[in-house]
Every structure is written in structure tokens, then in C-alpha cells.
PDB file of N, CA and C in Angstrom:
ATOM      1  N   MET A   1      41.465  62.707 -24.666  1.00  0.00           N
ATOM      2  CA  MET A   1      41.481  61.306 -24.817  1.00  0.00           C
ATOM      3  C   MET A   1      40.207  60.839 -25.496  1.00  0.00           C
ATOM      4  N   ASN A   2      40.459  60.259 -26.569  1.00  0.00           N
ATOM      5  CA  ASN A   2      39.344  59.744 -27.340  1.00  0.00           C
ATOM      6  C   ASN A   2      39.259  58.240 -27.149  1.00  0.00           C
ATOM      7  N   VAL A   3      38.078  57.796 -26.737  1.00  0.00           N
ATOM      8  CA  VAL A   3      37.852  56.370 -26.587  1.00  0.00           C
ATOM      9  C   VAL A   3      36.790  55.986 -27.598  1.00  0.00           C
ATOM     10  N   SER A   4      37.162  55.104 -28.440  1.00  0.00           N
ATOM     11  CA  SER A   4      36.188  54.662 -29.424  1.00  0.00           C
ATOM     12  C   SER A   4      36.019  53.148 -29.321  1.00  0.00           C
ATOM     13  N   VAL A   5      34.830  52.763 -29.540  1.00  0.00           N
ATOM     14  CA  VAL A   5      34.518  51.341 -29.464  1.00  0.00           C
ATOM     15  C   VAL A   5      34.060  50.918 -30.841  1.00  0.00           C
ATOM     16  N   ARG A   6      34.644  49.896 -31.281  1.00  0.00           N
ATOM     17  CA  ARG A   6      34.222  49.389 -32.574  1.00  0.00           C
ATOM     18  C   ARG A   6      32.989  48.522 -32.399  1.00  0.00           C
ATOM     19  N   ALA A   7      32.068  48.654 -33.257  1.00  0.00           N
ATOM     20  CA  ALA A   7      30.820  47.894 -33.205  1.00  0.00           C
ATOM     21  C   ALA A   7      31.062  46.427 -33.513  1.00  0.00           C
ATOM     22  N   ALA A   8      32.037  46.090 -34.275  1.00  0.00           N
ATOM     23  CA  ALA A   8      32.304  44.705 -34.638  1.00  0.00           C
ATOM     24  C   ALA A   8      32.860  43.920 -33.452  1.00  0.00           C
ATOM     25  N   ASN A   9      33.490  44.592 -32.502  1.00  0.00           N
ATOM     26  CA  ASN A   9      34.081  43.916 -31.368  1.00  0.00           C
ATOM     27  C   ASN A   9      33.095  43.717 -30.214  1.00  0.00           C
ATOM     28  N   ARG A  10      31.971  44.328 -30.263  1.00  0.00           N
ATOM     29  CA  ARG A  10      30.991  44.190 -29.192  1.00  0.00           C
ATOM     30  C   ARG A  10      30.214  42.904 -29.364  1.00  0.00           C
ATOM     31  N   ARG A  11      29.944  42.252 -28.256  1.00  0.00           N
ATOM     32  CA  ARG A  11      29.113  41.039 -28.290  1.00  0.00           C
ATOM     33  C   ARG A  11      27.666  41.455 -28.160  1.00  0.00           C
ATOM     34  N   PRO A  12      26.859  40.898 -28.993  1.00  0.00           N
ATOM     35  CA  PRO A  12      25.438  41.221 -28.845  1.00  0.00           C
ATOM     36  C   PRO A  12      24.885  40.562 -27.583  1.00  0.00           C
ATOM     37  N   ALA A  13      23.929  41.186 -26.969  1.00  0.00           N
ATOM     38  CA  ALA A  13      23.325  40.677 -25.738  1.00  0.00           C
ATOM     39  C   ALA A  13      22.483  39.430 -25.998  1.00  0.00           C
ATOM     40  N   MET A  14      22.009  39.246 -27.180  1.00  0.00           N
ATOM     41  CA  MET A  14      21.140  38.115 -27.497  1.00  0.00           C
ATOM     42  C   MET A  14      21.878  36.777 -27.403  1.00  0.00           C
ATOM     43  N   GLN A  15      23.152  36.730 -27.655  1.00  0.00           N
ATOM     44  CA  GLN A  15      23.886  35.479 -27.585  1.00  0.00           C
ATOM     45  C   GLN A  15      23.906  34.948 -26.159  1.00  0.00           C
ATOM     46  N   ARG A  16      24.074  35.809 -25.210  1.00  0.00           N
ATOM     47  CA  ARG A  16      24.113  35.386 -23.831  1.00  0.00           C
ATOM     48  C   ARG A  16      22.764  34.850 -23.370  1.00  0.00           C
ATOM     49  N   THR A  17      21.704  35.530 -23.637  1.00  0.00           N
ATOM     50  CA  THR A  17      20.378  35.072 -23.213  1.00  0.00           C
ATOM     51  C   THR A  17      19.975  33.840 -24.003  1.00  0.00           C
ATOM     52  N   GLY A  18      20.412  33.721 -25.232  1.00  0.00           N
ATOM     53  CA  GLY A  18      20.111  32.526 -26.023  1.00  0.00           C
ATOM     54  C   GLY A  18      20.737  31.297 -25.410  1.00  0.00           C
ATOM     55  N   ALA A  19      21.937  31.414 -24.878  1.00  0.00           N
ATOM     56  CA  ALA A  19      22.597  30.279 -24.237  1.00  0.00           C
ATOM     57  C   ALA A  19      21.862  29.900 -22.959  1.00  0.00           C
ATOM     58  N   VAL A  20      21.373  30.864 -22.218  1.00  0.00           N
ATOM     59  CA  VAL A  20      20.625  30.591 -21.000  1.00  0.00           C
ATOM     60  C   VAL A  20      19.308  29.905 -21.348  1.00  0.00           C
ATOM     61  N   ILE A  21      18.646  30.354 -22.377  1.00  0.00           N
ATOM     62  CA  ILE A  21      17.389  29.739 -22.796  1.00  0.00           C
ATOM     63  C   ILE A  21      17.643  28.300 -23.243  1.00  0.00           C
ATOM     64  N   ASN A  22      18.694  28.048 -23.975  1.00  0.00           N
ATOM     65  CA  ASN A  22      19.009  26.691 -24.414  1.00  0.00           C
ATOM     66  C   ASN A  22      19.323  25.797 -23.217  1.00  0.00           C
ATOM     67  N   LEU A  23      19.993  26.337 -22.226  1.00  0.00           N
ATOM     68  CA  LEU A  23      20.295  25.573 -21.020  1.00  0.00           C
ATOM     69  C   LEU A  23      19.012  25.238 -20.269  1.00  0.00           C
ATOM     70  N   ARG A  24      18.112  26.179 -20.176  1.00  0.00           N
ATOM     71  CA  ARG A  24      16.827  25.934 -19.505  1.00  0.00           C
ATOM     72  C   ARG A  24      15.994  24.909 -20.266  1.00  0.00           C
ATOM     73  N   GLN A  25      15.991  25.036 -21.568  1.00  0.00           N
ATOM     74  CA  GLN A  25      15.239  24.059 -22.375  1.00  0.00           C
ATOM     75  C   GLN A  25      15.828  22.658 -22.215  1.00  0.00           C
ATOM     76  N   GLY A  26      17.129  22.572 -22.199  1.00  0.00           N
ATOM     77  CA  GLY A  26      17.781  21.281 -22.006  1.00  0.00           C
ATOM     78  C   GLY A  26      17.466  20.692 -20.642  1.00  0.00           C
ATOM     79  N   LEU A  27      17.446  21.552 -19.623  1.00  0.00           N
ATOM     80  CA  LEU A  27      17.125  21.093 -18.277  1.00  0.00           C
ATOM     81  C   LEU A  27      15.678  20.609 -18.189  1.00  0.00           C
ATOM     82  N   VAL A  28      14.751  21.311 -18.840  1.00  0.00           N
ATOM     83  CA  VAL A  28      13.343  20.905 -18.849  1.00  0.00           C
ATOM     84  C   VAL A  28      13.191  19.566 -19.567  1.00  0.00           C
ATOM     85  N   VAL A  29      13.859  19.408 -20.686  1.00  0.00           N
ATOM     86  CA  VAL A  29      13.786  18.154 -21.437  1.00  0.00           C
ATOM     87  C   VAL A  29      14.378  17.016 -20.605  1.00  0.00           C
ATOM     88  N   LEU A  30      15.495  17.283 -19.935  1.00  0.00           N
ATOM     89  CA  LEU A  30      16.115  16.267 -19.089  1.00  0.00           C
ATOM     90  C   LEU A  30      15.193  15.868 -17.939  1.00  0.00           C
ATOM     91  N   CYS A  31      14.515  16.839 -17.334  1.00  0.00           N
ATOM     92  CA  CYS A  31      13.558  16.536 -16.259  1.00  0.00           C
ATOM     93  C   CYS A  31      12.386  15.709 -16.779  1.00  0.00           C
ATOM     94  N   LEU A  32      11.894  16.052 -17.958  1.00  0.00           N
ATOM     95  CA  LEU A  32      10.784  15.278 -18.540  1.00  0.00           C
ATOM     96  C   LEU A  32      11.207  13.842 -18.832  1.00  0.00           C
ATOM     97  N   ILE A  33      12.382  13.665 -19.372  1.00  0.00           N
ATOM     98  CA  ILE A  33      12.862  12.313 -19.675  1.00  0.00           C
ATOM     99  C   ILE A  33      13.039  11.520 -18.381  1.00  0.00           C
ATOM    100  N   THR A  34      13.614  12.148 -17.359  1.00  0.00           N
ATOM    101  CA  THR A  34      13.797  11.475 -16.072  1.00  0.00           C
ATOM    102  C   THR A  34      12.455  11.112 -15.455  1.00  0.00           C
ATOM    103  N   GLY A  35      11.489  12.029 -15.527  1.00  0.00           N
ATOM    104  CA  GLY A  35      10.151  11.748 -15.000  1.00  0.00           C
ATOM    105  C   GLY A  35       9.485  10.590 -15.722  1.00  0.00           C
ATOM    106  N   CYS A  36       9.609  10.557 -17.038  1.00  0.00           N
ATOM    107  CA  CYS A  36       9.017   9.460 -17.812  1.00  0.00           C
ATOM    108  C   CYS A  36       9.684   8.123 -17.463  1.00  0.00           C
ATOM    109  N   ALA A  37      11.014   8.157 -17.292  1.00  0.00           N
ATOM    110  CA  ALA A  37      11.728   6.917 -16.945  1.00  0.00           C
ATOM    111  C   ALA A  37      11.303   6.427 -15.565  1.00  0.00           C
ATOM    112  N   LEU A  38      11.163   7.329 -14.616  1.00  0.00           N
ATOM    113  CA  LEU A  38      10.726   6.926 -13.272  1.00  0.00           C
ATOM    114  C   LEU A  38       9.298   6.388 -13.299  1.00  0.00           C
ATOM    115  N   PHE A  39       8.426   7.021 -14.080  1.00  0.00           N
ATOM    116  CA  PHE A  39       7.053   6.535 -14.197  1.00  0.00           C
ATOM    117  C   PHE A  39       7.028   5.146 -14.821  1.00  0.00           C
ATOM    118  N   TYR A  40       7.852   4.922 -15.835  1.00  0.00           N
ATOM    119  CA  TYR A  40       7.929   3.615 -16.489  1.00  0.00           C
ATOM    120  C   TYR A  40       8.392   2.543 -15.499  1.00  0.00           C
ATOM    121  N   LEU A  41       9.411   2.859 -14.717  1.00  0.00           N
ATOM    122  CA  LEU A  41       9.893   1.901 -13.713  1.00  0.00           C
ATOM    123  C   LEU A  41       8.836   1.631 -12.646  1.00  0.00           C
ATOM    124  N   TYR A  42       8.149   2.671 -12.210  1.00  0.00           N
ATOM    125  CA  TYR A  42       7.104   2.510 -11.192  1.00  0.00           C
ATOM    126  C   TYR A  42       5.997   1.598 -11.697  1.00  0.00           C
ATOM    127  N   THR A  43       5.540   1.815 -12.934  1.00  0.00           N
ATOM    128  CA  THR A  43       4.465   0.967 -13.457  1.00  0.00           C
ATOM    129  C   THR A  43       4.927  -0.473 -13.624  1.00  0.00           C
ATOM    130  N   GLY A  44       6.193  -0.670 -13.983  1.00  0.00           N
ATOM    131  CA  GLY A  44       6.707  -2.036 -14.102  1.00  0.00           C
ATOM    132  C   GLY A  44       6.730  -2.756 -12.767  1.00  0.00           C
ATOM    133  N   VAL A  45       7.201  -2.071 -11.740  1.00  0.00           N
ATOM    134  CA  VAL A  45       7.257  -2.673 -10.404  1.00  0.00           C
ATOM    135  C   VAL A  45       5.852  -2.916  -9.879  1.00  0.00           C
ATOM    136  N   LYS A  46       4.949  -1.969 -10.095  1.00  0.00           N
ATOM    137  CA  LYS A  46       3.563  -2.128  -9.634  1.00  0.00           C
ATOM    138  C   LYS A  46       2.897  -3.296 -10.373  1.00  0.00           C
ATOM    139  N   GLY A  47       3.179  -3.448 -11.655  1.00  0.00           N
ATOM    140  CA  GLY A  47       2.637  -4.571 -12.417  1.00  0.00           C
ATOM    141  C   GLY A  47       3.107  -5.908 -11.886  1.00  0.00           C
ATOM    142  N   LEU A  48       4.392  -5.994 -11.534  1.00  0.00           N
ATOM    143  CA  LEU A  48       4.920  -7.232 -10.959  1.00  0.00           C
ATOM    144  C   LEU A  48       4.260  -7.538  -9.614  1.00  0.00           C
ATOM    145  N   SER A  49       4.050  -6.500  -8.821  1.00  0.00           N
ATOM    146  CA  SER A  49       3.417  -6.696  -7.520  1.00  0.00           C
ATOM    147  C   SER A  49       1.987  -7.207  -7.676  1.00  0.00           C
ATOM    148  N   ILE A  50       1.249  -6.616  -8.596  1.00  0.00           N
ATOM    149  CA  ILE A  50      -0.133  -7.046  -8.827  1.00  0.00           C
ATOM    150  C   ILE A  50      -0.160  -8.463  -9.394  1.00  0.00           C
ATOM    151  N   SER A  51       0.784  -8.783 -10.267  1.00  0.00           N
ATOM    152  CA  SER A  51       0.856 -10.133 -10.829  1.00  0.00           C
ATOM    153  C   SER A  51       1.111 -11.164  -9.730  1.00  0.00           C
ATOM    154  N   TYR A  52       1.971 -10.838  -8.782  1.00  0.00           N
ATOM    155  CA  TYR A  52       2.249 -11.735  -7.664  1.00  0.00           C
ATOM    156  C   TYR A  52       0.999 -11.909  -6.795  1.00  0.00           C
ATOM    157  N   GLN A  53       0.273 -10.836  -6.552  1.00  0.00           N
ATOM    158  CA  GLN A  53      -0.948 -10.931  -5.753  1.00  0.00           C
ATOM    159  C   GLN A  53      -1.998 -11.784  -6.459  1.00  0.00           C
ATOM    160  N   ILE A  54      -2.114 -11.647  -7.766  1.00  0.00           N
ATOM    161  CA  ILE A  54      -3.069 -12.455  -8.523  1.00  0.00           C
ATOM    162  C   ILE A  54      -2.684 -13.933  -8.444  1.00  0.00           C
ATOM    163  N   SER A  55      -1.399 -14.226  -8.548  1.00  0.00           N
ATOM    164  CA  SER A  55      -0.931 -15.609  -8.459  1.00  0.00           C
ATOM    165  C   SER A  55      -1.267 -16.212  -7.098  1.00  0.00           C
ATOM    166  N   GLN A  56      -1.052 -15.442  -6.041  1.00  0.00           N
ATOM    167  CA  GLN A  56      -1.383 -15.932  -4.706  1.00  0.00           C
ATOM    168  C   GLN A  56      -2.891 -16.139  -4.558  1.00  0.00           C
ATOM    169  N   ALA A  57      -3.697 -15.231  -5.098  1.00  0.00           N
ATOM    170  CA  ALA A  57      -5.150 -15.366  -4.994  1.00  0.00           C
ATOM    171  C   ALA A  57      -5.639 -16.597  -5.747  1.00  0.00           C
ATOM    172  N   ARG A  58      -5.054 -16.877  -6.912  1.00  0.00           N
ATOM    173  CA  ARG A  58      -5.443 -18.073  -7.670  1.00  0.00           C
ATOM    174  C   ARG A  58      -5.094 -19.344  -6.899  1.00  0.00           C
ATOM    175  N   GLN A  59      -3.924 -19.368  -6.282  1.00  0.00           N
ATOM    176  CA  GLN A  59      -3.521 -20.529  -5.492  1.00  0.00           C
ATOM    177  C   GLN A  59      -4.470 -20.715  -4.313  1.00  0.00           C
ATOM    178  N   ASN A  60      -4.835 -19.625  -3.663  1.00  0.00           N
ATOM    179  CA  ASN A  60      -5.779 -19.672  -2.552  1.00  0.00           C
ATOM    180  C   ASN A  60      -7.141 -20.186  -3.019  1.00  0.00           C
ATOM    181  N   GLN A  61      -7.568 -19.759  -4.193  1.00  0.00           N
ATOM    182  CA  GLN A  61      -8.848 -20.211  -4.739  1.00  0.00           C
ATOM    183  C   GLN A  61      -8.829 -21.712  -4.995  1.00  0.00           C
ATOM    184  N   VAL A  62      -7.739 -22.221  -5.546  1.00  0.00           N
ATOM    185  CA  VAL A  62      -7.626 -23.663  -5.812  1.00  0.00           C
ATOM    186  C   VAL A  62      -7.717 -24.446  -4.503  1.00  0.00           C
ATOM    187  N   GLU A  63      -7.024 -23.945  -3.473  1.00  0.00           N
ATOM    188  CA  GLU A  63      -7.067 -24.628  -2.179  1.00  0.00           C
ATOM    189  C   GLU A  63      -8.472 -24.600  -1.583  1.00  0.00           C
ATOM    190  N   LEU A  64      -9.169 -23.485  -1.698  1.00  0.00           N
ATOM    191  CA  LEU A  64     -10.516 -23.389  -1.138  1.00  0.00           C
ATOM    192  C   LEU A  64     -11.511 -24.277  -1.888  1.00  0.00           C
ATOM    193  N   VAL A  65     -11.366 -24.372  -3.204  1.00  0.00           N
ATOM    194  CA  VAL A  65     -12.248 -25.250  -3.985  1.00  0.00           C
ATOM    195  C   VAL A  65     -12.029 -26.701  -3.572  1.00  0.00           C
ATOM    196  N   GLU A  66     -10.769 -27.086  -3.385  1.00  0.00           N
ATOM    197  CA  GLU A  66     -10.467 -28.463  -2.964  1.00  0.00           C
ATOM    198  C   GLU A  66     -11.022 -28.725  -1.567  1.00  0.00           C
ATOM    199  N   MET A  67     -10.894 -27.762  -0.663  1.00  0.00           N
ATOM    200  CA  MET A  67     -11.427 -27.931   0.687  1.00  0.00           C
ATOM    201  C   MET A  67     -12.953 -28.053   0.652  1.00  0.00           C
ATOM    202  N   GLY A  68     -13.604 -27.266  -0.192  1.00  0.00           N
ATOM    203  CA  GLY A  68     -15.056 -27.359  -0.327  1.00  0.00           C
ATOM    204  C   GLY A  68     -15.490 -28.723  -0.835  1.00  0.00           C
ATOM    205  N   ARG A  69     -14.732 -29.268  -1.791  1.00  0.00           N
ATOM    206  CA  ARG A  69     -15.060 -30.596  -2.315  1.00  0.00           C
ATOM    207  C   ARG A  69     -14.922 -31.656  -1.219  1.00  0.00           C
ATOM    208  N   ARG A  70     -13.828 -31.573  -0.449  1.00  0.00           N
ATOM    209  CA  ARG A  70     -13.627 -32.556   0.624  1.00  0.00           C
ATOM    210  C   ARG A  70     -14.720 -32.432   1.693  1.00  0.00           C
ATOM    211  N   LEU A  71     -15.133 -31.208   2.002  1.00  0.00           N
ATOM    212  CA  LEU A  71     -16.179 -31.021   3.011  1.00  0.00           C
ATOM    213  C   LEU A  71     -17.527 -31.553   2.531  1.00  0.00           C
ATOM    214  N   ARG A  72     -17.825 -31.413   1.242  1.00  0.00           N
ATOM    215  CA  ARG A  72     -19.081 -31.970   0.709  1.00  0.00           C
ATOM    216  C   ARG A  72     -19.071 -33.497   0.783  1.00  0.00           C
ATOM    217  N   VAL A  73     -17.921 -34.099   0.464  1.00  0.00           N
ATOM    218  CA  VAL A  73     -17.810 -35.564   0.560  1.00  0.00           C
ATOM    219  C   VAL A  73     -17.996 -36.002   2.005  1.00  0.00           C
ATOM    220  N   GLU A  74     -17.365 -35.302   2.934  1.00  0.00           N
ATOM    221  CA  GLU A  74     -17.498 -35.652   4.345  1.00  0.00           C
ATOM    222  C   GLU A  74     -18.936 -35.480   4.825  1.00  0.00           C
ATOM    223  N   LEU A  75     -19.607 -34.422   4.393  1.00  0.00           N
ATOM    224  CA  LEU A  75     -21.003 -34.200   4.774  1.00  0.00           C
ATOM    225  C   LEU A  75     -21.897 -35.319   4.252  1.00  0.00           C
ATOM    226  N   ASN A  76     -21.673 -35.741   3.016  1.00  0.00           N
ATOM    227  CA  ASN A  76     -22.473 -36.841   2.466  1.00  0.00           C
ATOM    228  C   ASN A  76     -22.231 -38.136   3.238  1.00  0.00           C
ATOM    229  N   ASN A  77     -20.991 -38.366   3.662  1.00  0.00           N
ATOM    230  CA  ASN A  77     -20.710 -39.556   4.458  1.00  0.00           C
ATOM    231  C   ASN A  77     -21.388 -39.481   5.822  1.00  0.00           C
ATOM    232  N   LEU A  78     -21.371 -38.322   6.433  1.00  0.00           N
ATOM    233  CA  LEU A  78     -21.990 -38.178   7.749  1.00  0.00           C
ATOM    234  C   LEU A  78     -23.514 -38.282   7.690  1.00  0.00           C
ATOM    235  N   ARG A  79     -24.109 -37.912   6.571  1.00  0.00           N
ATOM    236  CA  ARG A  79     -25.571 -37.973   6.442  1.00  0.00           C
ATOM    237  C   ARG A  79     -26.076 -39.316   5.933  1.00  0.00           C
ATOM    238  N   SER A  80     -25.212 -40.224   5.588  1.00  0.00           N
ATOM    239  CA  SER A  80     -25.658 -41.485   4.990  1.00  0.00           C
ATOM    240  C   SER A  80     -26.488 -42.286   5.996  1.00  0.00           C
ATOM    241  N   PRO A  81     -27.592 -42.875   5.540  1.00  0.00           N
ATOM    242  CA  PRO A  81     -28.466 -43.638   6.434  1.00  0.00           C
ATOM    243  C   PRO A  81     -27.756 -44.851   7.053  1.00  0.00           C
ATOM    244  N   GLU A  82     -26.875 -45.491   6.311  1.00  0.00           N
ATOM    245  CA  GLU A  82     -26.172 -46.662   6.849  1.00  0.00           C
ATOM    246  C   GLU A  82     -25.318 -46.262   8.055  1.00  0.00           C
ATOM    247  N   ARG A  83     -24.628 -45.164   7.947  1.00  0.00           N
ATOM    248  CA  ARG A  83     -23.794 -44.719   9.060  1.00  0.00           C
ATOM    249  C   ARG A  83     -24.657 -44.344  10.259  1.00  0.00           C
ATOM    250  N   LEU A  84     -25.789 -43.691  10.014  1.00  0.00           N
ATOM    251  CA  LEU A  84     -26.684 -43.311  11.113  1.00  0.00           C
ATOM    252  C   LEU A  84     -27.258 -44.550  11.803  1.00  0.00           C
ATOM    253  N   GLU A  85     -27.595 -45.590  11.028  1.00  0.00           N
ATOM    254  CA  GLU A  85     -28.116 -46.827  11.629  1.00  0.00           C
ATOM    255  C   GLU A  85     -27.043 -47.504  12.478  1.00  0.00           C
ATOM    256  N   ARG A  86     -25.808 -47.546  12.000  1.00  0.00           N
ATOM    257  CA  ARG A  86     -24.721 -48.144  12.784  1.00  0.00           C
ATOM    258  C   ARG A  86     -24.474 -47.361  14.066  1.00  0.00           C
ATOM    259  N   ALA A  87     -24.504 -46.024  13.976  1.00  0.00           N
ATOM    260  CA  ALA A  87     -24.275 -45.196  15.172  1.00  0.00           C
ATOM    261  C   ALA A  87     -25.411 -45.398  16.168  1.00  0.00           C
ATOM    262  N   GLY A  88     -26.654 -45.517  15.687  1.00  0.00           N
ATOM    263  CA  GLY A  88     -27.796 -45.759  16.571  1.00  0.00           C
ATOM    264  C   GLY A  88     -27.714 -47.118  17.231  1.00  0.00           C
ATOM    265  N   ALA A  89     -27.288 -48.131  16.488  1.00  0.00           N
ATOM    266  CA  ALA A  89     -27.157 -49.471  17.060  1.00  0.00           C
ATOM    267  C   ALA A  89     -26.073 -49.492  18.135  1.00  0.00           C
ATOM    268  N   ARG A  90     -24.982 -48.763  17.929  1.00  0.00           N
ATOM    269  CA  ARG A  90     -23.920 -48.696  18.941  1.00  0.00           C
ATOM    270  C   ARG A  90     -24.432 -48.052  20.227  1.00  0.00           C
ATOM    271  N   LEU A  91     -25.345 -47.113  20.090  1.00  0.00           N
ATOM    272  CA  LEU A  91     -25.891 -46.429  21.264  1.00  0.00           C
ATOM    273  C   LEU A  91     -27.066 -47.189  21.880  1.00  0.00           C
ATOM    274  N   GLY A  92     -27.476 -48.283  21.262  1.00  0.00           N
ATOM    275  CA  GLY A  92     -28.556 -49.097  21.802  1.00  0.00           C
ATOM    276  C   GLY A  92     -29.934 -48.618  21.364  1.00  0.00           C
ATOM    277  N   LEU A  93     -30.007 -47.875  20.291  1.00  0.00           N
ATOM    278  CA  LEU A  93     -31.299 -47.404  19.783  1.00  0.00           C
ATOM    279  C   LEU A  93     -31.855 -48.422  18.798  1.00  0.00           C
ATOM    280  N   ALA A  94     -33.167 -48.483  18.716  1.00  0.00           N
ATOM    281  CA  ALA A  94     -33.830 -49.394  17.781  1.00  0.00           C
ATOM    282  C   ALA A  94     -34.721 -48.562  16.871  1.00  0.00           C
ATOM    283  N   PRO A  95     -35.031 -49.106  15.681  1.00  0.00           N
ATOM    284  CA  PRO A  95     -35.928 -48.363  14.792  1.00  0.00           C
ATOM    285  C   PRO A  95     -37.304 -48.186  15.442  1.00  0.00           C
ATOM    286  N   ALA A  96     -37.958 -47.081  15.127  1.00  0.00           N
ATOM    287  CA  ALA A  96     -39.271 -46.794  15.701  1.00  0.00           C
ATOM    288  C   ALA A  96     -40.317 -47.712  15.082  1.00  0.00           C
ATOM    289  N   SER A  97     -41.301 -48.089  15.896  1.00  0.00           N
ATOM    290  CA  SER A  97     -42.395 -48.918  15.370  1.00  0.00           C
ATOM    291  C   SER A  97     -43.280 -48.042  14.488  1.00  0.00           C
ATOM    292  N   PRO A  98     -43.990 -48.661  13.525  1.00  0.00           N
ATOM    293  CA  PRO A  98     -44.805 -47.874  12.587  1.00  0.00           C
ATOM    294  C   PRO A  98     -45.885 -47.045  13.270  1.00  0.00           C
ATOM    295  N   GLU A  99     -46.453 -47.502  14.413  1.00  0.00           N
ATOM    296  CA  GLU A  99     -47.502 -46.714  15.061  1.00  0.00           C
ATOM    297  C   GLU A  99     -46.950 -45.478  15.777  1.00  0.00           C
ATOM    298  N   ARG A 100     -45.665 -45.427  15.998  1.00  0.00           N
ATOM    299  CA  ARG A 100     -45.057 -44.253  16.639  1.00  0.00           C
ATOM    300  C   ARG A 100     -44.606 -43.204  15.630  1.00  0.00           C
ATOM    301  N   VAL A 101     -44.665 -43.560  14.357  1.00  0.00           N
ATOM    302  CA  VAL A 101     -44.231 -42.620  13.305  1.00  0.00           C
ATOM    303  C   VAL A 101     -45.434 -41.796  12.879  1.00  0.00           C
ATOM    304  N   ARG A 102     -45.281 -40.486  12.863  1.00  0.00           N
ATOM    305  CA  ARG A 102     -46.350 -39.595  12.401  1.00  0.00           C
ATOM    306  C   ARG A 102     -45.855 -38.837  11.164  1.00  0.00           C
ATOM    307  N   VAL A 103     -46.681 -38.803  10.174  1.00  0.00           N
ATOM    308  CA  VAL A 103     -46.346 -38.107   8.938  1.00  0.00           C
ATOM    309  C   VAL A 103     -47.002 -36.727   8.987  1.00  0.00           C
ATOM    310  N   LEU A 104     -46.234 -35.708   8.815  1.00  0.00           N
ATOM    311  CA  LEU A 104     -46.780 -34.344   8.839  1.00  0.00           C
ATOM    312  C   LEU A 104     -47.268 -33.981   7.449  1.00  0.00           C
ATOM    313  N   PRO A 105     -48.406 -33.271   7.399  1.00  0.00           N
ATOM    314  CA  PRO A 105     -48.939 -32.888   6.066  1.00  0.00           C
ATOM    315  C   PRO A 105     -48.132 -31.812   5.421  1.00  0.00           C
TER     316      PRO A 105
END
């Protein structure tokens, strides 16, 4: 019994490994594209979050500046000599006589 194999009918081994290599390359490229897309989405969401925090901080700053202005106005009103004289008169206090006033050097 003679068994002969024709060389033209044999599949070369390189075709099989070439298909595996192409599949691996495609999988690597697909992973890279997916990773880049996820990174892009992450940076977009993080940017929105930071933008929201900045907006809240600016609003807080505006409120604090307004509160500081109101407190300065209130402090000036409380320190005014006219108000102090009225409060002293209500309590029954009188201005000090000139001989009781001492000027410090």
C-alpha cells in the first residue's frame, strides 16, 4: 500500500498561526480603544464634578463677601459716638468732667 501526499494539498502551518496573531492584534487594539474611551469618559465626568465644585465655591465666596460687608456696616454703627452717648444716657451716665480725664503720653 502506497500512501502519497501531494504537497499542493497540504496547508502550510504559517496560515494558522497568522490567523491567531491577527486575532491577538485585533484584541489588543480593541482593548486599547476601549481603555481610551473609558479614560475619555472618566475625564469628562471628573471635569463636570470639578466645575460644579468651583461653581459652589464661587457662590459661597459671594455670600461671605456680602456677610463681611454687612458686618463692617454693623460694626461702624455700633462704634458710632452718637449711639454710645444715647446708650450712656439711657443707663444714667453723664460725660466725665475735664479734671477727671487723663491723657496718656
